[in-house]
């Protein structure tokens, strides 16, 4: 195998280890307090409610960039209603607001539980 112009010879065992490590890196599951974010090996990104196993408690995005674009379209202070996309139920919208507040990539915090509301930090407006 050639990396940055350098030739590397791998044994079958080393190649298997490398493949396994790449698979783990590409399929990353991060659990937060209320939600889970999962980067799948097909490039998709899944937000799910922590501890739930039905498809009604998850939203599959084409990739993480699609989640980031949704976040960017939200106003500086947003509710679950604002986070809604076509086909998203109330529970999934609430899950997304929680995920935005929990995931370190999104600079916002929950400011109210009734109605569920998050506010972006000044620097991300």
PDB file of N, CA and C in Angstrom:
ATOM      1  N   UNK A   1       0.856  -1.156   0.000  1.00  0.00           N
ATOM      2  CA  UNK A   1       0.000   0.000   0.000  1.00  0.00           C
ATOM      3  C   UNK A   1       0.912   1.232   0.000  1.00  0.00           C
ATOM      4  N   UNK A   2       0.469   2.283  -0.702  1.00  0.00           N
ATOM      5  CA  UNK A   2       1.246   3.521  -0.790  1.00  0.00           C
ATOM      6  C   UNK A   2       0.500   4.635  -0.060  1.00  0.00           C
ATOM      7  N   UNK A   3       1.182   5.294   0.877  1.00  0.00           N
ATOM      8  CA  UNK A   3       0.629   6.411   1.638  1.00  0.00           C
ATOM      9  C   UNK A   3       1.580   7.583   1.497  1.00  0.00           C
ATOM     10  N   UNK A   4       1.060   8.701   0.939  1.00  0.00           N
ATOM     11  CA  UNK A   4       1.874   9.904   0.734  1.00  0.00           C
ATOM     12  C   UNK A   4       3.185   9.600   0.010  1.00  0.00           C
ATOM     13  N   UNK A   5       3.101   8.753  -0.994  1.00  0.00           N
ATOM     14  CA  UNK A   5       4.270   8.433  -1.784  1.00  0.00           C
ATOM     15  C   UNK A   5       5.196   7.393  -1.187  1.00  0.00           C
ATOM     16  N   UNK A   6       4.904   6.932   0.024  1.00  0.00           N
ATOM     17  CA  UNK A   6       5.741   5.919   0.663  1.00  0.00           C
ATOM     18  C   UNK A   6       5.071   4.561   0.568  1.00  0.00           C
ATOM     19  N   UNK A   7       5.860   3.561   0.218  1.00  0.00           N
ATOM     20  CA  UNK A   7       5.348   2.200   0.107  1.00  0.00           C
ATOM     21  C   UNK A   7       5.394   1.524   1.471  1.00  0.00           C
ATOM     22  N   UNK A   8       4.270   0.919   1.874  1.00  0.00           N
ATOM     23  CA  UNK A   8       4.183   0.189   3.150  1.00  0.00           C
ATOM     24  C   UNK A   8       3.686  -1.214   2.858  1.00  0.00           C
ATOM     25  N   UNK A   9       4.385  -2.185   3.389  1.00  0.00           N
ATOM     26  CA  UNK A   9       3.959  -3.574   3.253  1.00  0.00           C
ATOM     27  C   UNK A   9       3.269  -3.990   4.542  1.00  0.00           C
ATOM     28  N   UNK A  10       2.081  -4.548   4.398  1.00  0.00           N
ATOM     29  CA  UNK A  10       1.318  -4.998   5.556  1.00  0.00           C
ATOM     30  C   UNK A  10       1.082  -6.495   5.463  1.00  0.00           C
ATOM     31  N   UNK A  11       1.206  -7.143   6.596  1.00  0.00           N
ATOM     32  CA  UNK A  11       0.826  -8.558   6.630  1.00  0.00           C
ATOM     33  C   UNK A  11      -0.701  -8.631   6.605  1.00  0.00           C
ATOM     34  N   UNK A  12      -1.209  -9.792   6.362  1.00  0.00           N
ATOM     35  CA  UNK A  12      -2.675  -9.962   6.365  1.00  0.00           C
ATOM     36  C   UNK A  12      -3.246  -9.558   7.726  1.00  0.00           C
ATOM     37  N   UNK A  13      -2.574  -9.931   8.773  1.00  0.00           N
ATOM     38  CA  UNK A  13      -3.033  -9.603  10.133  1.00  0.00           C
ATOM     39  C   UNK A  13      -3.039  -8.086  10.352  1.00  0.00           C
ATOM     40  N   UNK A  14      -1.982  -7.406   9.923  1.00  0.00           N
ATOM     41  CA  UNK A  14      -1.906  -5.946  10.056  1.00  0.00           C
ATOM     42  C   UNK A  14      -2.989  -5.269   9.213  1.00  0.00           C
ATOM     43  N   UNK A  15      -3.213  -5.805   8.021  1.00  0.00           N
ATOM     44  CA  UNK A  15      -4.260  -5.244   7.160  1.00  0.00           C
ATOM     45  C   UNK A  15      -5.639  -5.409   7.794  1.00  0.00           C
ATOM     46  N   UNK A  16      -5.889  -6.567   8.417  1.00  0.00           N
ATOM     47  CA  UNK A  16      -7.161  -6.798   9.107  1.00  0.00           C
ATOM     48  C   UNK A  16      -7.337  -5.816  10.266  1.00  0.00           C
ATOM     49  N   UNK A  17      -6.270  -5.586  11.006  1.00  0.00           N
ATOM     50  CA  UNK A  17      -6.332  -4.627  12.119  1.00  0.00           C
ATOM     51  C   UNK A  17      -6.611  -3.211  11.609  1.00  0.00           C
ATOM     52  N   UNK A  18      -5.947  -2.842  10.521  1.00  0.00           N
ATOM     53  CA  UNK A  18      -6.162  -1.521   9.936  1.00  0.00           C
ATOM     54  C   UNK A  18      -7.602  -1.377   9.458  1.00  0.00           C
ATOM     55  N   UNK A  19      -8.129  -2.391   8.782  1.00  0.00           N
ATOM     56  CA  UNK A  19      -9.510  -2.359   8.315  1.00  0.00           C
ATOM     57  C   UNK A  19     -10.477  -2.207   9.493  1.00  0.00           C
ATOM     58  N   UNK A  20     -10.249  -2.955  10.562  1.00  0.00           N
ATOM     59  CA  UNK A  20     -11.106  -2.854  11.738  1.00  0.00           C
ATOM     60  C   UNK A  20     -11.037  -1.466  12.365  1.00  0.00           C
ATOM     61  N   UNK A  21      -9.832  -0.907  12.433  1.00  0.00           N
ATOM     62  CA  UNK A  21      -9.670   0.439  13.004  1.00  0.00           C
ATOM     63  C   UNK A  21     -10.374   1.475  12.137  1.00  0.00           C
ATOM     64  N   UNK A  22     -10.264   1.342  10.817  1.00  0.00           N
ATOM     65  CA  UNK A  22     -10.954   2.265   9.917  1.00  0.00           C
ATOM     66  C   UNK A  22     -12.472   2.132  10.064  1.00  0.00           C
ATOM     67  N   UNK A  23     -12.952   0.919  10.200  1.00  0.00           N
ATOM     68  CA  UNK A  23     -14.386   0.699  10.393  1.00  0.00           C
ATOM     69  C   UNK A  23     -14.890   1.360  11.658  1.00  0.00           C
ATOM     70  N   UNK A  24     -14.127   1.241  12.741  1.00  0.00           N
ATOM     71  CA  UNK A  24     -14.514   1.898  13.999  1.00  0.00           C
ATOM     72  C   UNK A  24     -14.490   3.412  13.855  1.00  0.00           C
ATOM     73  N   UNK A  25     -13.510   3.927  13.118  1.00  0.00           N
ATOM     74  CA  UNK A  25     -13.404   5.372  12.930  1.00  0.00           C
ATOM     75  C   UNK A  25     -14.548   5.900  12.078  1.00  0.00           C
ATOM     76  N   UNK A  26     -14.961   5.130  11.096  1.00  0.00           N
ATOM     77  CA  UNK A  26     -16.034   5.573  10.206  1.00  0.00           C
ATOM     78  C   UNK A  26     -17.418   5.382  10.820  1.00  0.00           C
ATOM     79  N   UNK A  27     -17.561   4.411  11.711  1.00  0.00           N
ATOM     80  CA  UNK A  27     -18.823   4.174  12.387  1.00  0.00           C
ATOM     81  C   UNK A  27     -18.621   4.562  13.837  1.00  0.00           C
ATOM     82  N   UNK A  28     -18.895   5.793  14.128  1.00  0.00           N
ATOM     83  CA  UNK A  28     -18.661   6.336  15.460  1.00  0.00           C
ATOM     84  C   UNK A  28     -19.992   6.640  16.114  1.00  0.00           C
ATOM     85  N   UNK A  29     -20.170   6.137  17.317  1.00  0.00           N
ATOM     86  CA  UNK A  29     -21.402   6.355  18.070  1.00  0.00           C
ATOM     87  C   UNK A  29     -21.041   7.128  19.330  1.00  0.00           C
ATOM     88  N   UNK A  30     -21.664   8.287  19.504  1.00  0.00           N
ATOM     89  CA  UNK A  30     -21.413   9.113  20.670  1.00  0.00           C
ATOM     90  C   UNK A  30     -22.704   9.278  21.448  1.00  0.00           C
ATOM     91  N   UNK A  31     -22.683   8.874  22.702  1.00  0.00           N
ATOM     92  CA  UNK A  31     -23.863   9.001  23.557  1.00  0.00           C
ATOM     93  C   UNK A  31     -23.767  10.270  24.384  1.00  0.00           C
ATOM     94  N   UNK A  32     -24.845  11.006  24.388  1.00  0.00           N
ATOM     95  CA  UNK A  32     -24.973  12.205  25.205  1.00  0.00           C
ATOM     96  C   UNK A  32     -26.013  11.921  26.281  1.00  0.00           C
ATOM     97  N   UNK A  33     -26.457  12.924  26.998  1.00  0.00           N
ATOM     98  CA  UNK A  33     -27.403  12.713  28.087  1.00  0.00           C
ATOM     99  C   UNK A  33     -28.765  12.224  27.576  1.00  0.00           C
ATOM    100  N   UNK A  34     -29.314  12.907  26.583  1.00  0.00           N
ATOM    101  CA  UNK A  34     -30.632  12.556  26.050  1.00  0.00           C
ATOM    102  C   UNK A  34     -30.606  11.918  24.668  1.00  0.00           C
ATOM    103  N   UNK A  35     -29.526  12.113  23.938  1.00  0.00           N
ATOM    104  CA  UNK A  35     -29.479  11.680  22.547  1.00  0.00           C
ATOM    105  C   UNK A  35     -28.203  10.911  22.228  1.00  0.00           C
ATOM    106  N   UNK A  36     -28.198  10.320  21.041  1.00  0.00           N
ATOM    107  CA  UNK A  36     -27.036   9.606  20.524  1.00  0.00           C
ATOM    108  C   UNK A  36     -26.810  10.093  19.103  1.00  0.00           C
ATOM    109  N   UNK A  37     -25.561  10.335  18.744  1.00  0.00           N
ATOM    110  CA  UNK A  37     -25.200  10.664  17.374  1.00  0.00           C
ATOM    111  C   UNK A  37     -24.340   9.549  16.820  1.00  0.00           C
ATOM    112  N   UNK A  38     -24.672   9.088  15.625  1.00  0.00           N
ATOM    113  CA  UNK A  38     -23.930   7.975  15.038  1.00  0.00           C
ATOM    114  C   UNK A  38     -23.541   8.294  13.598  1.00  0.00           C
ATOM    115  N   UNK A  39     -22.230   8.292  13.356  1.00  0.00           N
ATOM    116  CA  UNK A  39     -21.700   8.407  12.004  1.00  0.00           C
ATOM    117  C   UNK A  39     -21.623   6.984  11.459  1.00  0.00           C
ATOM    118  N   UNK A  40     -22.393   6.689  10.427  1.00  0.00           N
ATOM    119  CA  UNK A  40     -22.394   5.346   9.844  1.00  0.00           C
ATOM    120  C   UNK A  40     -21.369   5.252   8.720  1.00  0.00           C
ATOM    121  N   UNK A  41     -20.960   4.021   8.434  1.00  0.00           N
ATOM    122  CA  UNK A  41     -19.923   3.833   7.414  1.00  0.00           C
ATOM    123  C   UNK A  41     -20.395   4.191   6.013  1.00  0.00           C
ATOM    124  N   UNK A  42     -21.704   4.325   5.791  1.00  0.00           N
ATOM    125  CA  UNK A  42     -22.190   4.762   4.480  1.00  0.00           C
ATOM    126  C   UNK A  42     -22.208   6.283   4.351  1.00  0.00           C
ATOM    127  N   UNK A  43     -21.733   6.978   5.401  1.00  0.00           N
ATOM    128  CA  UNK A  43     -21.672   8.437   5.379  1.00  0.00           C
ATOM    129  C   UNK A  43     -22.856   9.113   6.033  1.00  0.00           C
ATOM    130  N   UNK A  44     -23.908   8.365   6.317  1.00  0.00           N
ATOM    131  CA  UNK A  44     -25.084   8.973   6.928  1.00  0.00           C
ATOM    132  C   UNK A  44     -24.820   9.277   8.402  1.00  0.00           C
ATOM    133  N   UNK A  45     -25.659  10.136   8.948  1.00  0.00           N
ATOM    134  CA  UNK A  45     -25.566  10.505  10.364  1.00  0.00           C
ATOM    135  C   UNK A  45     -26.945  10.314  10.976  1.00  0.00           C
ATOM    136  N   UNK A  46     -27.001   9.623  12.100  1.00  0.00           N
ATOM    137  CA  UNK A  46     -28.264   9.304  12.740  1.00  0.00           C
ATOM    138  C   UNK A  46     -28.314   9.957  14.114  1.00  0.00           C
ATOM    139  N   UNK A  47     -29.405  10.666  14.360  1.00  0.00           N
ATOM    140  CA  UNK A  47     -29.682  11.211  15.689  1.00  0.00           C
ATOM    141  C   UNK A  47     -30.802  10.356  16.265  1.00  0.00           C
ATOM    142  N   UNK A  48     -30.595   9.835  17.466  1.00  0.00           N
ATOM    143  CA  UNK A  48     -31.635   9.024  18.100  1.00  0.00           C
ATOM    144  C   UNK A  48     -31.763   9.389  19.565  1.00  0.00           C
ATOM    145  N   UNK A  49     -32.919   9.035  20.093  1.00  0.00           N
ATOM    146  CA  UNK A  49     -33.161   9.250  21.520  1.00  0.00           C
ATOM    147  C   UNK A  49     -32.400   8.169  22.270  1.00  0.00           C
ATOM    148  N   UNK A  50     -31.655   8.555  23.267  1.00  0.00           N
ATOM    149  CA  UNK A  50     -30.853   7.598  24.032  1.00  0.00           C
ATOM    150  C   UNK A  50     -31.768   6.593  24.728  1.00  0.00           C
ATOM    151  N   UNK A  51     -31.443   5.336  24.582  1.00  0.00           N
ATOM    152  CA  UNK A  51     -32.194   4.273  25.232  1.00  0.00           C
ATOM    153  C   UNK A  51     -33.407   3.800  24.451  1.00  0.00           C
ATOM    154  N   UNK A  52     -33.735   4.435  23.361  1.00  0.00           N
ATOM    155  CA  UNK A  52     -34.895   4.029  22.559  1.00  0.00           C
ATOM    156  C   UNK A  52     -34.417   3.166  21.401  1.00  0.00           C
ATOM    157  N   UNK A  53     -35.227   2.187  21.028  1.00  0.00           N
ATOM    158  CA  UNK A  53     -34.796   1.311  19.939  1.00  0.00           C
ATOM    159  C   UNK A  53     -35.737   1.299  18.741  1.00  0.00           C
ATOM    160  N   UNK A  54     -36.811   2.061  18.767  1.00  0.00           N
ATOM    161  CA  UNK A  54     -37.707   2.073  17.613  1.00  0.00           C
ATOM    162  C   UNK A  54     -37.315   3.179  16.640  1.00  0.00           C
ATOM    163  N   UNK A  55     -37.688   2.994  15.387  1.00  0.00           N
ATOM    164  CA  UNK A  55     -37.333   3.978  14.366  1.00  0.00           C
ATOM    165  C   UNK A  55     -38.051   5.308  14.575  1.00  0.00           C
ATOM    166  N   UNK A  56     -39.103   5.323  15.365  1.00  0.00           N
ATOM    167  CA  UNK A  56     -39.807   6.562  15.661  1.00  0.00           C
ATOM    168  C   UNK A  56     -39.000   7.506  16.530  1.00  0.00           C
ATOM    169  N   UNK A  57     -37.913   6.999  17.088  1.00  0.00           N
ATOM    170  CA  UNK A  57     -37.068   7.806  17.965  1.00  0.00           C
ATOM    171  C   UNK A  57     -35.719   8.079  17.341  1.00  0.00           C
ATOM    172  N   UNK A  58     -35.686   8.139  16.001  1.00  0.00           N
ATOM    173  CA  UNK A  58     -34.426   8.449  15.323  1.00  0.00           C
ATOM    174  C   UNK A  58     -34.705   9.196  14.030  1.00  0.00           C
ATOM    175  N   UNK A  59     -33.702   9.949  13.621  1.00  0.00           N
ATOM    176  CA  UNK A  59     -33.761  10.668  12.346  1.00  0.00           C
ATOM    177  C   UNK A  59     -32.443  10.418  11.627  1.00  0.00           C
ATOM    178  N   UNK A  60     -32.540   9.907  10.415  1.00  0.00           N
ATOM    179  CA  UNK A  60     -31.360   9.622   9.604  1.00  0.00           C
ATOM    180  C   UNK A  60     -31.166  10.770   8.626  1.00  0.00           C
ATOM    181  N   UNK A  61     -29.982  11.343   8.649  1.00  0.00           N
ATOM    182  CA  UNK A  61     -29.614  12.411   7.724  1.00  0.00           C
ATOM    183  C   UNK A  61     -28.636  11.840   6.704  1.00  0.00           C
ATOM    184  N   UNK A  62     -28.581  12.431   5.530  1.00  0.00           N
ATOM    185  CA  UNK A  62     -27.686  11.964   4.480  1.00  0.00           C
ATOM    186  C   UNK A  62     -26.234  11.968   4.969  1.00  0.00           C
ATOM    187  N   UNK A  63     -25.869  13.000   5.742  1.00  0.00           N
ATOM    188  CA  UNK A  63     -24.527  13.100   6.311  1.00  0.00           C
ATOM    189  C   UNK A  63     -24.573  14.141   7.445  1.00  0.00           C
ATOM    190  N   UNK A  64     -23.447  14.290   8.137  1.00  0.00           N
ATOM    191  CA  UNK A  64     -23.417  15.238   9.246  1.00  0.00           C
ATOM    192  C   UNK A  64     -23.596  16.669   8.761  1.00  0.00           C
ATOM    193  N   UNK A  65     -23.112  16.960   7.564  1.00  0.00           N
ATOM    194  CA  UNK A  65     -23.278  18.307   7.010  1.00  0.00           C
ATOM    195  C   UNK A  65     -24.743  18.694   6.893  1.00  0.00           C
ATOM    196  N   UNK A  66     -25.608  17.734   6.614  1.00  0.00           N
ATOM    197  CA  UNK A  66     -27.040  18.029   6.516  1.00  0.00           C
ATOM    198  C   UNK A  66     -27.597  18.470   7.872  1.00  0.00           C
ATOM    199  N   UNK A  67     -27.104  17.876   8.948  1.00  0.00           N
ATOM    200  CA  UNK A  67     -27.514  18.285  10.299  1.00  0.00           C
ATOM    201  C   UNK A  67     -26.997  19.693  10.577  1.00  0.00           C
ATOM    202  N   UNK A  68     -25.745  19.944  10.214  1.00  0.00           N
ATOM    203  CA  UNK A  68     -25.148  21.267  10.432  1.00  0.00           C
ATOM    204  C   UNK A  68     -25.884  22.341   9.638  1.00  0.00           C
ATOM    205  N   UNK A  69     -26.309  22.030   8.424  1.00  0.00           N
ATOM    206  CA  UNK A  69     -27.059  22.999   7.615  1.00  0.00           C
ATOM    207  C   UNK A  69     -28.414  23.295   8.235  1.00  0.00           C
ATOM    208  N   UNK A  70     -29.062  22.266   8.778  1.00  0.00           N
ATOM    209  CA  UNK A  70     -30.329  22.490   9.483  1.00  0.00           C
ATOM    210  C   UNK A  70     -30.106  23.428  10.665  1.00  0.00           C
ATOM    211  N   UNK A  71     -29.059  23.172  11.427  1.00  0.00           N
ATOM    212  CA  UNK A  71     -28.742  24.028  12.576  1.00  0.00           C
ATOM    213  C   UNK A  71     -28.478  25.468  12.132  1.00  0.00           C
ATOM    214  N   UNK A  72     -27.718  25.624  11.059  1.00  0.00           N
ATOM    215  CA  UNK A  72     -27.387  26.964  10.564  1.00  0.00           C
ATOM    216  C   UNK A  72     -28.625  27.745  10.127  1.00  0.00           C
ATOM    217  N   UNK A  73     -29.640  27.051   9.648  1.00  0.00           N
ATOM    218  CA  UNK A  73     -30.878  27.714   9.210  1.00  0.00           C
ATOM    219  C   UNK A  73     -31.760  28.158  10.372  1.00  0.00           C
ATOM    220  N   UNK A  74     -31.490  27.646  11.559  1.00  0.00           N
ATOM    221  CA  UNK A  74     -32.321  27.990  12.712  1.00  0.00           C
ATOM    222  C   UNK A  74     -32.030  29.407  13.190  1.00  0.00           C
ATOM    223  N   UNK A  75     -33.047  30.064  13.737  1.00  0.00           N
ATOM    224  CA  UNK A  75     -32.825  31.411  14.275  1.00  0.00           C
ATOM    225  C   UNK A  75     -31.940  31.363  15.527  1.00  0.00           C
ATOM    226  N   UNK A  76     -31.477  32.536  16.002  1.00  0.00           N
ATOM    227  CA  UNK A  76     -30.601  32.576  17.185  1.00  0.00           C
ATOM    228  C   UNK A  76     -31.222  31.916  18.423  1.00  0.00           C
ATOM    229  N   UNK A  77     -32.528  32.003  18.572  1.00  0.00           N
ATOM    230  CA  UNK A  77     -33.230  31.284  19.634  1.00  0.00           C
ATOM    231  C   UNK A  77     -34.311  30.467  18.942  1.00  0.00           C
ATOM    232  N   UNK A  78     -34.346  29.171  19.200  1.00  0.00           N
ATOM    233  CA  UNK A  78     -35.259  28.311  18.452  1.00  0.00           C
ATOM    234  C   UNK A  78     -35.945  27.288  19.348  1.00  0.00           C
ATOM    235  N   UNK A  79     -37.109  26.875  18.902  1.00  0.00           N
ATOM    236  CA  UNK A  79     -37.914  25.865  19.597  1.00  0.00           C
ATOM    237  C   UNK A  79     -37.929  24.585  18.766  1.00  0.00           C
ATOM    238  N   UNK A  80     -38.570  23.575  19.303  1.00  0.00           N
ATOM    239  CA  UNK A  80     -38.714  22.327  18.560  1.00  0.00           C
ATOM    240  C   UNK A  80     -39.496  22.565  17.279  1.00  0.00           C
ATOM    241  N   UNK A  81     -40.468  23.454  17.327  1.00  0.00           N
ATOM    242  CA  UNK A  81     -41.245  23.783  16.133  1.00  0.00           C
ATOM    243  C   UNK A  81     -40.331  24.336  15.032  1.00  0.00           C
ATOM    244  N   UNK A  82     -39.386  25.180  15.394  1.00  0.00           N
ATOM    245  CA  UNK A  82     -38.445  25.753  14.422  1.00  0.00           C
ATOM    246  C   UNK A  82     -37.550  24.675  13.808  1.00  0.00           C
ATOM    247  N   UNK A  83     -37.228  23.659  14.596  1.00  0.00           N
ATOM    248  CA  UNK A  83     -36.310  22.612  14.143  1.00  0.00           C
ATOM    249  C   UNK A  83     -36.984  21.600  13.235  1.00  0.00           C
ATOM    250  N   UNK A  84     -38.279  21.735  13.047  1.00  0.00           N
ATOM    251  CA  UNK A  84     -39.023  20.767  12.255  1.00  0.00           C
ATOM    252  C   UNK A  84     -38.711  20.830  10.786  1.00  0.00           C
ATOM    253  N   UNK A  85     -38.615  19.681  10.190  1.00  0.00           N
ATOM    254  CA  UNK A  85     -38.515  19.540   8.752  1.00  0.00           C
ATOM    255  C   UNK A  85     -39.714  18.720   8.312  1.00  0.00           C
ATOM    256  N   UNK A  86     -39.948  18.693   7.051  1.00  0.00           N
ATOM    257  CA  UNK A  86     -41.056  17.898   6.538  1.00  0.00           C
ATOM    258  C   UNK A  86     -40.924  16.456   7.014  1.00  0.00           C
ATOM    259  N   UNK A  87     -41.977  15.929   7.590  1.00  0.00           N
ATOM    260  CA  UNK A  87     -41.972  14.540   8.024  1.00  0.00           C
ATOM    261  C   UNK A  87     -41.455  14.302   9.432  1.00  0.00           C
ATOM    262  N   UNK A  88     -41.033  15.344  10.127  1.00  0.00           N
ATOM    263  CA  UNK A  88     -40.550  15.161  11.496  1.00  0.00           C
ATOM    264  C   UNK A  88     -41.697  15.311  12.483  1.00  0.00           C
ATOM    265  N   UNK A  89     -41.855  14.319  13.328  1.00  0.00           N
ATOM    266  CA  UNK A  89     -42.868  14.376  14.369  1.00  0.00           C
ATOM    267  C   UNK A  89     -42.411  15.285  15.494  1.00  0.00           C
ATOM    268  N   UNK A  90     -43.323  15.608  16.394  1.00  0.00           N
ATOM    269  CA  UNK A  90     -42.975  16.445  17.542  1.00  0.00           C
ATOM    270  C   UNK A  90     -41.853  15.862  18.374  1.00  0.00           C
ATOM    271  N   UNK A  91     -41.891  14.541  18.590  1.00  0.00           N
ATOM    272  CA  UNK A  91     -40.849  13.894  19.378  1.00  0.00           C
ATOM    273  C   UNK A  91     -39.481  13.990  18.730  1.00  0.00           C
ATOM    274  N   UNK A  92     -39.428  13.839  17.419  1.00  0.00           N
ATOM    275  CA  UNK A  92     -38.149  13.940  16.710  1.00  0.00           C
ATOM    276  C   UNK A  92     -37.637  15.374  16.722  1.00  0.00           C
ATOM    277  N   UNK A  93     -38.536  16.336  16.613  1.00  0.00           N
ATOM    278  CA  UNK A  93     -38.107  17.742  16.673  1.00  0.00           C
ATOM    279  C   UNK A  93     -37.497  18.047  18.042  1.00  0.00           C
ATOM    280  N   UNK A  94     -38.135  17.571  19.104  1.00  0.00           N
ATOM    281  CA  UNK A  94     -37.597  17.773  20.451  1.00  0.00           C
ATOM    282  C   UNK A  94     -36.235  17.094  20.591  1.00  0.00           C
ATOM    283  N   UNK A  95     -36.115  15.894  20.026  1.00  0.00           N
ATOM    284  CA  UNK A  95     -34.859  15.164  20.076  1.00  0.00           C
ATOM    285  C   UNK A  95     -33.744  15.972  19.407  1.00  0.00           C
ATOM    286  N   UNK A  96     -34.051  16.606  18.266  1.00  0.00           N
ATOM    287  CA  UNK A  96     -33.038  17.405  17.563  1.00  0.00           C
ATOM    288  C   UNK A  96     -32.607  18.613  18.387  1.00  0.00           C
ATOM    289  N   UNK A  97     -33.546  19.270  19.041  1.00  0.00           N
ATOM    290  CA  UNK A  97     -33.179  20.416  19.884  1.00  0.00           C
ATOM    291  C   UNK A  97     -32.240  19.953  20.991  1.00  0.00           C
ATOM    292  N   UNK A  98     -32.565  18.834  21.623  1.00  0.00           N
ATOM    293  CA  UNK A  98     -31.680  18.292  22.662  1.00  0.00           C
ATOM    294  C   UNK A  98     -30.309  17.957  22.074  1.00  0.00           C
ATOM    295  N   UNK A  99     -30.285  17.365  20.882  1.00  0.00           N
ATOM    296  CA  UNK A  99     -29.012  16.977  20.266  1.00  0.00           C
ATOM    297  C   UNK A  99     -28.155  18.204  19.958  1.00  0.00           C
ATOM    298  N   UNK A 100     -28.774  19.249  19.431  1.00  0.00           N
ATOM    299  CA  UNK A 100     -28.021  20.478  19.164  1.00  0.00           C
ATOM    300  C   UNK A 100     -27.425  21.037  20.459  1.00  0.00           C
ATOM    301  N   UNK A 101     -28.172  20.988  21.542  1.00  0.00           N
ATOM    302  CA  UNK A 101     -27.674  21.515  22.820  1.00  0.00           C
ATOM    303  C   UNK A 101     -26.583  20.627  23.418  1.00  0.00           C
ATOM    304  N   UNK A 102     -26.612  19.331  23.129  1.00  0.00           N
ATOM    305  CA  UNK A 102     -25.654  18.393  23.727  1.00  0.00           C
ATOM    306  C   UNK A 102     -24.380  18.202  22.911  1.00  0.00           C
ATOM    307  N   UNK A 103     -24.481  18.279  21.604  1.00  0.00           N
ATOM    308  CA  UNK A 103     -23.338  17.981  20.733  1.00  0.00           C
ATOM    309  C   UNK A 103     -22.362  19.161  20.736  1.00  0.00           C
ATOM    310  N   UNK A 104     -21.077  18.906  20.957  1.00  0.00           N
ATOM    311  CA  UNK A 104     -20.100  20.003  21.036  1.00  0.00           C
ATOM    312  C   UNK A 104     -19.918  20.781  19.733  1.00  0.00           C
ATOM    313  N   UNK A 105     -20.327  20.238  18.614  1.00  0.00           N
ATOM    314  CA  UNK A 105     -20.199  20.930  17.332  1.00  0.00           C
ATOM    315  C   UNK A 105     -21.158  22.125  17.230  1.00  0.00           C
ATOM    316  N   UNK A 106     -22.235  22.079  18.000  1.00  0.00           N
ATOM    317  CA  UNK A 106     -23.258  23.119  17.928  1.00  0.00           C
ATOM    318  C   UNK A 106     -23.190  23.968  19.192  1.00  0.00           C
ATOM    319  N   UNK A 107     -22.929  25.231  19.006  1.00  0.00           N
ATOM    320  CA  UNK A 107     -22.693  26.143  20.120  1.00  0.00           C
ATOM    321  C   UNK A 107     -24.006  26.761  20.587  1.00  0.00           C
ATOM    322  N   UNK A 108     -24.784  25.966  21.328  1.00  0.00           N
ATOM    323  CA  UNK A 108     -26.040  26.471  21.856  1.00  0.00           C
ATOM    324  C   UNK A 108     -26.348  25.754  23.167  1.00  0.00           C
ATOM    325  N   UNK A 109     -27.346  26.272  23.865  1.00  0.00           N
ATOM    326  CA  UNK A 109     -27.746  25.655  25.130  1.00  0.00           C
ATOM    327  C   UNK A 109     -29.250  25.767  25.290  1.00  0.00           C
ATOM    328  N   UNK A 110     -29.803  24.857  26.087  1.00  0.00           N
ATOM    329  CA  UNK A 110     -31.230  24.928  26.386  1.00  0.00           C
ATOM    330  C   UNK A 110     -31.475  26.097  27.326  1.00  0.00           C
ATOM    331  N   UNK A 111     -32.508  26.864  27.030  1.00  0.00           N
ATOM    332  CA  UNK A 111     -32.845  27.992  27.891  1.00  0.00           C
ATOM    333  C   UNK A 111     -34.236  27.834  28.494  1.00  0.00           C
ATOM    334  N   UNK A 112     -35.020  26.891  27.985  1.00  0.00           N
ATOM    335  CA  UNK A 112     -36.354  26.651  28.519  1.00  0.00           C
ATOM    336  C   UNK A 112     -36.785  25.231  28.171  1.00  0.00           C
ATOM    337  N   UNK A 113     -37.525  24.622  29.083  1.00  0.00           N
ATOM    338  CA  UNK A 113     -38.060  23.285  28.817  1.00  0.00           C
ATOM    339  C   UNK A 113     -39.520  23.341  28.374  1.00  0.00           C
ATOM    340  N   UNK A 114     -40.214  24.420  28.697  1.00  0.00           N
ATOM    341  CA  UNK A 114     -41.622  24.596  28.320  1.00  0.00           C
ATOM    342  C   UNK A 114     -41.827  25.974  27.748  1.00  0.00           C
ATOM    343  N   UNK A 115     -41.909  26.182  26.476  1.00  0.00           N
ATOM    344  CA  UNK A 115     -41.619  25.179  25.458  1.00  0.00           C
ATOM    345  C   UNK A 115     -40.119  24.946  25.345  1.00  0.00           C
ATOM    346  N   UNK A 116     -39.773  23.770  24.850  1.00  0.00           N
ATOM    347  CA  UNK A 116     -38.353  23.428  24.701  1.00  0.00           C
ATOM    348  C   UNK A 116     -37.700  24.430  23.760  1.00  0.00           C
ATOM    349  N   UNK A 117     -36.724  25.167  24.288  1.00  0.00           N
ATOM    350  CA  UNK A 117     -36.103  26.268  23.545  1.00  0.00           C
ATOM    351  C   UNK A 117     -34.593  26.236  23.757  1.00  0.00           C
ATOM    352  N   UNK A 118     -33.861  26.476  22.691  1.00  0.00           N
ATOM    353  CA  UNK A 118     -32.396  26.559  22.764  1.00  0.00           C
ATOM    354  C   UNK A 118     -31.973  27.914  22.194  1.00  0.00           C
ATOM    355  N   UNK A 119     -30.827  28.381  22.659  1.00  0.00           N
ATOM    356  CA  UNK A 119     -30.288  29.653  22.188  1.00  0.00           C
ATOM    357  C   UNK A 119     -28.854  29.418  21.713  1.00  0.00           C
ATOM    358  N   UNK A 120     -28.575  29.924  20.519  1.00  0.00           N
ATOM    359  CA  UNK A 120     -27.208  29.856  19.994  1.00  0.00           C
ATOM    360  C   UNK A 120     -26.350  30.875  20.719  1.00  0.00           C
ATOM    361  N   UNK A 121     -25.090  30.552  20.867  1.00  0.00           N
ATOM    362  CA  UNK A 121     -24.156  31.490  21.461  1.00  0.00           C
ATOM    363  C   UNK A 121     -23.931  32.648  20.496  1.00  0.00           C
ATOM    364  N   UNK A 122     -23.542  33.771  21.000  1.00  0.00           N
ATOM    365  CA  UNK A 122     -23.325  34.982  20.193  1.00  0.00           C
ATOM    366  C   UNK A 122     -22.425  34.739  18.991  1.00  0.00           C
ATOM    367  N   UNK A 123     -21.355  33.957  19.170  1.00  0.00           N
ATOM    368  CA  UNK A 123     -20.384  33.767  18.109  1.00  0.00           C
ATOM    369  C   UNK A 123     -20.903  32.946  16.937  1.00  0.00           C
ATOM    370  N   UNK A 124     -22.014  32.205  17.103  1.00  0.00           N
ATOM    371  CA  UNK A 124     -22.498  31.360  16.016  1.00  0.00           C
ATOM    372  C   UNK A 124     -23.664  31.981  15.269  1.00  0.00           C
ATOM    373  N   UNK A 125     -24.014  33.212  15.573  1.00  0.00           N
ATOM    374  CA  UNK A 125     -25.129  33.871  14.874  1.00  0.00           C
ATOM    375  C   UNK A 125     -24.688  34.378  13.529  1.00  0.00           C
TER     376      UNK A 125
END
